[in-house]
Protein backbone atom coordinates (compact mmCIF):
# COMPACT_ATOMS: atom_id res chain seq x y z
CA GLN A 1 86.43 98.30 114.22
CA VAL A 2 89.10 100.86 113.45
CA GLN A 3 90.69 101.16 110.01
CA LEU A 4 93.56 103.23 108.66
CA VAL A 5 93.65 103.80 104.91
CA GLU A 6 96.63 105.39 103.18
CA SER A 7 96.59 107.16 99.83
CA GLY A 8 98.84 109.33 97.70
CA GLY A 9 101.65 106.97 96.78
CA GLY A 10 102.95 106.58 93.26
CA LEU A 11 105.86 107.04 90.91
CA VAL A 12 107.83 110.28 91.08
CA GLN A 13 111.13 111.46 89.65
CA PRO A 14 114.08 112.29 91.91
CA GLY A 15 113.65 115.81 93.27
CA GLY A 16 109.88 115.59 93.01
CA SER A 17 107.20 115.74 95.68
CA LEU A 18 104.33 113.60 96.94
CA ARG A 19 101.78 114.02 99.69
CA LEU A 20 100.57 110.96 101.55
CA SER A 21 97.33 110.88 103.49
CA CYS A 22 96.05 108.41 106.06
CA ALA A 23 92.47 108.52 107.29
CA ALA A 24 91.28 106.72 110.40
CA SER A 25 87.69 105.55 110.64
CA GLY A 26 85.50 103.42 112.86
CA ARG A 27 84.97 103.39 116.60
CA ILE A 28 87.31 106.23 117.60
CA PHE A 29 87.11 108.06 120.87
CA ARG A 30 90.51 109.67 120.77
CA ILE A 31 93.67 109.48 118.68
CA PHE A 32 97.00 109.95 120.39
CA GLY A 33 100.25 109.71 118.43
CA MET A 34 100.16 109.21 114.65
CA GLY A 35 103.07 108.37 112.44
CA TRP A 36 104.55 107.12 109.20
CA HIS A 37 106.92 104.21 108.80
CA ARG A 38 108.44 102.77 105.65
CA GLN A 39 109.90 99.50 104.50
CA ALA A 40 112.21 99.26 101.53
CA PRO A 41 112.86 95.95 99.75
CA GLY A 42 115.15 93.77 101.81
CA LYS A 43 115.16 96.18 104.74
CA GLU A 44 113.41 96.42 108.07
CA ARG A 45 110.53 98.77 108.68
CA GLU A 46 111.74 102.12 110.01
CA LEU A 47 110.16 105.18 111.55
CA VAL A 48 109.93 108.14 109.18
CA ALA A 49 108.04 110.71 111.23
CA ARG A 50 105.68 110.90 114.17
CA ILE A 51 103.32 113.55 115.50
CA ALA A 52 101.97 113.50 119.03
CA GLY A 53 98.53 114.57 120.16
CA ASP A 54 99.92 117.96 121.17
CA GLY A 55 101.38 118.47 117.70
CA SER A 56 105.01 117.89 118.58
CA THR A 57 106.94 116.05 115.89
CA ASN A 58 110.04 113.98 115.37
CA TYR A 59 111.71 112.77 112.19
CA ALA A 60 114.27 110.27 111.04
CA ASP A 61 117.56 112.02 110.28
CA SER A 62 117.36 110.87 106.66
CA VAL A 63 114.17 112.88 106.00
CA LYS A 64 114.66 115.97 108.15
CA ASP A 65 114.22 119.22 106.20
CA ARG A 66 112.58 117.30 103.33
CA PHE A 67 109.46 115.69 104.87
CA THR A 68 106.75 117.31 106.97
CA ILE A 69 104.18 115.45 109.03
CA SER A 70 100.89 117.08 110.00
CA ARG A 71 97.47 116.06 111.22
CA ASP A 72 93.88 117.24 111.02
CA ASN A 73 92.08 116.05 114.12
CA ALA A 74 88.70 117.14 112.74
CA VAL A 75 88.89 114.42 110.09
CA ASN A 76 91.17 111.94 111.90
CA THR A 77 93.82 112.23 109.20
CA VAL A 78 97.59 112.38 109.19
CA TYR A 79 99.62 113.65 106.25
CA LEU A 80 103.19 113.33 105.08
CA GLN A 81 104.46 115.99 102.67
CA MET A 82 107.56 114.64 100.96
CA ASN A 83 109.77 117.05 99.02
CA ASN A 84 113.06 116.63 97.20
CA LEU A 85 112.51 112.88 97.01
CA LYS A 86 115.51 110.63 96.53
CA ARG A 87 115.80 107.13 95.10
CA GLU A 88 116.48 105.82 98.59
CA ASP A 89 113.05 107.02 99.68
CA THR A 90 111.52 104.24 97.58
CA ALA A 91 109.52 102.04 99.95
CA VAL A 92 106.08 101.01 101.09
CA TYR A 93 104.87 103.67 103.49
CA TYR A 94 102.65 102.67 106.39
CA CYS A 95 100.74 104.91 108.72
CA ASN A 96 99.98 104.02 112.30
CA ALA A 97 98.02 105.55 115.13
CA ASP A 98 97.44 104.95 118.82
CA ILE A 99 93.67 105.00 119.19
CA TYR A 100 91.33 104.80 122.15
CA ASP A 101 88.22 102.96 121.01
CA GLY A 102 86.28 103.39 124.23
CA SER A 103 87.76 100.29 125.77
CA THR A 104 91.52 100.25 125.26
CA VAL A 105 94.31 102.12 123.53
CA GLU A 106 95.73 100.10 120.68
CA ALA A 107 98.19 100.67 117.89
CA TYR A 108 96.58 100.38 114.46
CA TRP A 109 98.33 100.12 111.10
CA GLY A 110 97.32 100.77 107.54
CA LYS A 111 98.06 98.36 104.71
CA GLY A 112 100.63 100.66 103.11
CA THR A 113 101.08 102.71 99.97
CA LEU A 114 103.99 102.30 97.57
CA VAL A 115 106.27 105.23 96.80
CA THR A 116 108.70 104.73 93.93
CA VAL A 117 111.33 107.36 93.19
CA SER A 118 112.84 106.75 89.79
CA SER A 119 113.70 108.51 86.57
C-alpha cells in the first residue's frame, strides 16, 4: 500500500511563511509527477503547484513568485515553501503523486493539512 502524509500546516499571520512537506511511503517503484492542491471553505479543490519527474514546475497564477515547490527523490518527499502568505491562501492543502507500485501507475492523495492565514 502507498501512503502520502502531509505535515507543516498551521496558523500564520499575513506576510508570514510556512513550509509543507509530504512524504510517500509503501510499495513504491517510481514516482512521476508530484503536486499540491488546496481547497478553501465553500470552494472547489484547485491546483497550487506541480513538479514533474524531470524537475520542471508549474504554478497557479495566484501563488507565482510566492510559493516554491521542490522534491527530494531520495526520500520520496515533496515540499511547498510558502512565503508572503495572504488570507486567501487559507485552505486545506493536499499533496498528490503519480506512483508506479510495480503493477500500475496510480494517483495517490494525502489526507490534507490545514493552513490558516489570520492576524
